[in-house]
N, C-alpha and C. Protein backbone atom coordinates (compact mmCIF):
# COMPACT_ATOMS: atom_id res chain seq x y z
N MET A 1 0.78 -1.35 0.12
CA MET A 1 0.22 -0.14 -0.13
C MET A 1 0.87 1.25 0.26
N GLU A 2 0.40 2.11 -0.81
CA GLU A 2 1.28 3.56 -0.86
C GLU A 2 1.20 4.27 0.28
N LYS A 3 1.94 5.13 0.60
CA LYS A 3 2.37 5.77 1.71
C LYS A 3 0.65 6.74 2.12
N HIS A 4 0.67 7.49 1.15
CA HIS A 4 -0.45 8.63 1.30
C HIS A 4 -1.83 7.96 1.65
N GLU A 5 -2.04 6.39 0.62
CA GLU A 5 -2.93 6.01 0.67
C GLU A 5 -3.03 5.18 2.39
N LEU A 6 -1.75 4.51 2.66
CA LEU A 6 -2.05 4.30 4.17
C LEU A 6 -2.28 5.15 5.04
N ALA A 7 -1.97 6.24 4.82
CA ALA A 7 -1.80 7.50 5.69
C ALA A 7 -3.18 7.71 5.71
N ALA A 8 -4.31 7.85 4.69
CA ALA A 8 -5.34 7.91 4.57
C ALA A 8 -6.34 7.11 5.31
N SER A 9 -6.05 5.86 5.28
CA SER A 9 -6.78 4.86 5.93
C SER A 9 -6.38 4.56 7.65
N VAL A 10 -5.17 5.00 7.72
CA VAL A 10 -4.80 5.25 9.78
C VAL A 10 -5.46 6.45 9.97
N LEU A 11 -5.57 7.42 9.23
CA LEU A 11 -6.36 8.80 9.57
C LEU A 11 -7.71 8.31 9.76
N ALA A 12 -8.40 7.70 9.03
CA ALA A 12 -9.79 7.31 9.40
C ALA A 12 -10.13 6.22 10.44
N ALA A 13 -9.04 5.38 10.40
CA ALA A 13 -9.04 4.43 11.48
C ALA A 13 -8.84 4.94 12.74
N PHE A 14 -8.20 5.77 12.98
CA PHE A 14 -7.88 6.95 14.03
C PHE A 14 -9.21 7.74 14.50
N GLY A 15 -10.22 7.85 13.58
CA GLY A 15 -11.39 8.64 13.89
C GLY A 15 -11.44 9.70 13.13
N GLY A 16 -10.52 10.07 12.29
CA GLY A 16 -10.72 11.06 11.39
C GLY A 16 -9.62 12.47 12.38
N ALA A 17 -9.04 13.51 11.28
CA ALA A 17 -8.32 14.50 11.59
C ALA A 17 -8.70 15.26 12.95
N ASP A 18 -10.24 15.26 13.20
CA ASP A 18 -10.60 16.22 14.59
C ASP A 18 -10.51 15.41 15.41
N ASN A 19 -10.22 14.17 15.33
CA ASN A 19 -9.73 13.38 16.47
C ASN A 19 -8.58 13.29 17.09
N LEU A 20 -7.77 13.62 16.66
CA LEU A 20 -6.00 13.78 16.84
C LEU A 20 -5.83 14.96 17.66
N ILE A 21 -5.17 14.60 18.87
CA ILE A 21 -4.75 15.67 19.89
C ILE A 21 -2.84 16.09 19.17
N LYS A 22 -2.58 15.09 19.33
CA LYS A 22 -0.95 14.92 19.05
C LYS A 22 -0.62 13.69 18.31
N LEU A 23 0.08 13.96 17.78
CA LEU A 23 0.71 12.88 16.31
C LEU A 23 2.21 13.21 16.39
N ARG A 24 3.10 11.72 16.79
CA ARG A 24 4.42 12.13 16.81
C ARG A 24 4.99 10.72 16.24
N TYR A 25 6.28 10.66 16.13
CA TYR A 25 6.77 9.51 15.87
C TYR A 25 7.97 9.00 16.38
N CYS A 26 8.40 7.86 16.37
CA CYS A 26 9.85 7.48 16.65
C CYS A 26 10.66 6.51 15.63
N ALA A 27 11.46 5.86 15.71
CA ALA A 27 12.03 4.71 14.94
C ALA A 27 11.08 3.83 13.73
N SER A 28 10.19 3.38 14.86
CA SER A 28 9.26 2.06 14.34
C SER A 28 7.78 2.35 14.68
N ARG A 29 7.38 3.68 15.17
CA ARG A 29 5.97 4.05 15.79
C ARG A 29 5.42 5.28 15.24
N ILE A 30 4.09 5.19 15.02
CA ILE A 30 3.52 5.98 14.95
C ILE A 30 2.68 6.56 16.33
N ARG A 31 3.02 7.46 17.24
CA ARG A 31 2.17 7.64 18.48
C ARG A 31 0.98 8.66 18.35
N ALA A 32 -0.26 8.43 18.68
CA ALA A 32 -1.19 9.15 18.50
C ALA A 32 -1.75 9.21 20.01
N GLU A 33 -2.21 10.72 20.34
CA GLU A 33 -3.28 10.65 21.67
C GLU A 33 -4.47 11.28 20.57
N LEU A 34 -5.52 10.86 21.35
CA LEU A 34 -7.02 11.02 20.78
C LEU A 34 -8.05 11.28 21.64
N ARG A 35 -8.61 12.55 20.98
CA ARG A 35 -9.58 13.11 21.72
C ARG A 35 -10.57 12.20 22.28
N ASP A 36 -10.85 10.85 21.75
CA ASP A 36 -12.35 10.16 21.75
C ASP A 36 -11.86 8.72 21.48
N GLY A 37 -11.33 8.10 22.26
CA GLY A 37 -10.55 6.59 22.01
C GLY A 37 -11.63 5.76 21.30
N SER A 38 -12.99 5.94 21.50
CA SER A 38 -14.08 5.00 21.45
C SER A 38 -13.90 5.15 19.90
N ARG A 39 -13.67 6.17 18.99
CA ARG A 39 -13.62 6.41 17.96
C ARG A 39 -12.43 5.73 16.98
N LEU A 40 -11.70 5.25 17.67
CA LEU A 40 -10.86 4.51 17.18
C LEU A 40 -11.40 2.96 16.57
N ASP A 41 -11.15 2.68 15.38
CA ASP A 41 -11.55 1.66 14.63
C ASP A 41 -10.22 0.37 14.84
N ARG A 42 -10.07 -0.39 16.20
CA ARG A 42 -9.00 -1.13 15.89
C ARG A 42 -8.96 -2.30 14.98
N PRO A 43 -9.90 -2.69 15.00
CA PRO A 43 -10.07 -3.78 13.85
C PRO A 43 -9.44 -3.52 12.56
N GLY A 44 -10.07 -2.20 12.20
CA GLY A 44 -9.66 -1.77 10.72
C GLY A 44 -8.43 -1.34 10.56
N MET A 45 -7.74 -0.75 12.03
CA MET A 45 -6.37 -0.49 11.99
C MET A 45 -5.41 -1.67 12.02
N GLU A 46 -5.43 -2.67 12.80
CA GLU A 46 -5.00 -4.02 12.68
C GLU A 46 -4.85 -4.61 11.58
N ALA A 47 -5.98 -4.57 10.46
CA ALA A 47 -6.09 -5.11 9.32
C ALA A 47 -4.98 -4.72 8.11
N LEU A 48 -4.77 -3.19 8.72
CA LEU A 48 -4.22 -2.72 7.16
C LEU A 48 -2.57 -3.29 6.80
N ASP A 49 -2.57 -3.15 5.62
CA ASP A 49 -1.07 -3.44 4.77
C ASP A 49 -0.12 -2.58 5.37
N GLY A 50 0.82 -3.37 6.66
CA GLY A 50 1.74 -2.38 6.87
C GLY A 50 1.70 -2.01 8.42
N VAL A 51 0.64 -2.53 8.68
CA VAL A 51 0.67 -2.48 10.37
C VAL A 51 1.00 -3.37 11.19
N LYS A 52 1.72 -3.54 12.08
CA LYS A 52 2.27 -4.78 12.30
C LYS A 52 1.96 -4.84 13.92
N ALA A 53 1.22 -3.86 14.57
CA ALA A 53 0.51 -4.19 15.68
C ALA A 53 -0.17 -2.40 16.27
N LEU A 54 -0.82 -2.63 17.31
CA LEU A 54 -1.60 -1.38 17.57
C LEU A 54 -1.74 -1.43 19.32
N LEU A 55 -0.66 -0.92 19.98
CA LEU A 55 -0.63 -0.71 21.59
C LEU A 55 -1.38 0.50 21.78
N GLU A 56 -1.97 0.38 23.21
CA GLU A 56 -2.66 1.19 23.97
C GLU A 56 -1.70 1.55 25.18
N VAL A 57 -0.90 2.72 25.55
CA VAL A 57 -0.37 2.92 26.58
C VAL A 57 -0.89 4.22 27.44
N GLU A 58 -0.82 4.25 28.69
CA GLU A 58 -1.27 5.49 29.29
C GLU A 58 -0.04 6.13 29.57
N THR A 59 -0.51 7.44 29.37
CA THR A 59 0.87 8.51 29.69
C THR A 59 0.41 8.76 30.80
N SER A 60 1.54 9.97 31.06
CA SER A 60 1.51 10.52 32.47
C SER A 60 0.60 11.48 32.74
N ARG A 61 -0.16 11.87 31.65
CA ARG A 61 -1.60 12.87 31.96
C ARG A 61 -2.70 12.14 32.26
N HIS A 62 -2.59 10.48 32.04
CA HIS A 62 -3.91 9.34 32.40
C HIS A 62 -4.67 9.58 30.92
N THR A 63 -4.26 9.97 29.68
CA THR A 63 -4.92 9.57 28.70
C THR A 63 -4.18 8.65 27.98
N PRO A 64 -4.80 8.07 27.17
CA PRO A 64 -4.07 6.87 26.64
C PRO A 64 -3.59 7.15 25.05
N GLU A 65 -2.18 6.32 25.15
CA GLU A 65 -1.51 7.14 23.66
C GLU A 65 -1.80 5.64 22.96
N PHE A 66 -2.13 6.14 21.37
CA PHE A 66 -2.00 4.73 20.71
C PHE A 66 -0.67 4.28 19.82
N GLN A 67 -0.02 3.61 20.05
CA GLN A 67 1.12 3.53 19.55
C GLN A 67 1.09 2.22 17.98
N LEU A 68 1.00 3.03 16.82
CA LEU A 68 1.19 2.27 15.46
C LEU A 68 2.38 1.39 14.97
N VAL A 69 2.43 0.09 15.37
CA VAL A 69 4.11 -0.47 14.86
C VAL A 69 4.19 -0.48 13.66
N VAL A 70 4.81 0.15 12.71
CA VAL A 70 4.90 0.10 11.55
C VAL A 70 6.28 -0.61 11.00
N GLY A 71 7.05 -0.66 12.05
CA GLY A 71 8.47 -1.14 11.91
C GLY A 71 9.66 -0.02 11.36
N PRO A 72 10.81 -0.31 11.66
CA PRO A 72 11.87 0.77 11.19
C PRO A 72 12.18 1.40 9.83
N GLY A 73 12.14 2.46 9.75
CA GLY A 73 12.50 2.92 8.29
C GLY A 73 10.92 3.20 7.73
N ASN A 74 9.68 2.97 8.46
CA ASN A 74 8.39 3.17 8.13
C ASN A 74 7.66 4.15 8.77
N ALA A 75 8.22 4.60 10.16
CA ALA A 75 7.35 5.18 10.88
C ALA A 75 7.60 6.67 10.42
N ARG A 76 8.61 7.39 9.82
CA ARG A 76 8.80 8.61 9.19
C ARG A 76 8.16 9.06 8.33
N PRO A 77 8.37 8.16 7.13
CA PRO A 77 7.72 8.30 5.80
C PRO A 77 5.98 8.49 5.96
N LEU A 78 5.63 7.61 7.08
CA LEU A 78 4.44 7.26 7.33
C LEU A 78 3.81 8.75 8.05
N TYR A 79 4.47 9.20 8.62
CA TYR A 79 4.01 10.19 9.56
C TYR A 79 3.87 11.37 8.90
N GLN A 80 4.99 11.51 7.35
CA GLN A 80 5.32 12.93 7.04
C GLN A 80 3.92 12.76 6.19
N ALA A 81 3.36 11.57 5.91
CA ALA A 81 1.97 11.59 4.76
C ALA A 81 0.83 11.53 5.86
N LEU A 82 1.12 11.30 6.67
CA LEU A 82 -0.02 11.68 7.61
C LEU A 82 -0.33 13.24 7.93
N ILE A 83 0.59 13.76 7.94
CA ILE A 83 0.83 15.34 8.19
C ILE A 83 0.54 16.06 6.97
N ALA A 84 0.56 15.25 5.64
CA ALA A 84 0.15 15.85 4.32
C ALA A 84 -0.97 15.75 4.27
N VAL A 85 -2.05 14.51 4.79
CA VAL A 85 -2.99 13.82 4.63
C VAL A 85 -4.07 14.84 5.34
N THR A 86 -3.49 15.48 6.62
CA THR A 86 -4.29 16.21 7.48
C THR A 86 -3.93 17.76 7.27
N GLY A 87 -3.16 17.89 6.85
CA GLY A 87 -2.99 19.58 6.29
C GLY A 87 -2.32 20.28 7.26
N GLU A 88 -1.88 19.54 8.57
CA GLU A 88 -0.84 20.19 9.53
C GLU A 88 0.42 20.47 8.93
N LYS A 89 1.14 21.39 9.41
CA LYS A 89 2.52 21.44 9.15
C LYS A 89 3.57 21.38 10.38
């Protein structure tokens, strides 16, 4: 799946751009804080080609952070595609 196509699918599974509070990445993961975790389409996200796992981690602010494991070398290009799809800078 092409990165922008995957980014659009990931964004939809996160519940849309308006559901994102914060989006970051590390070497192998996309990290997202959501306004409403119930809008997350977990089965849809886990079924996406290129997604290895979806983890939920509680942050120090007691809000869940969803970590999308995409593997080394894939997180930054996917993050950049997500930013392009959402129109954020």
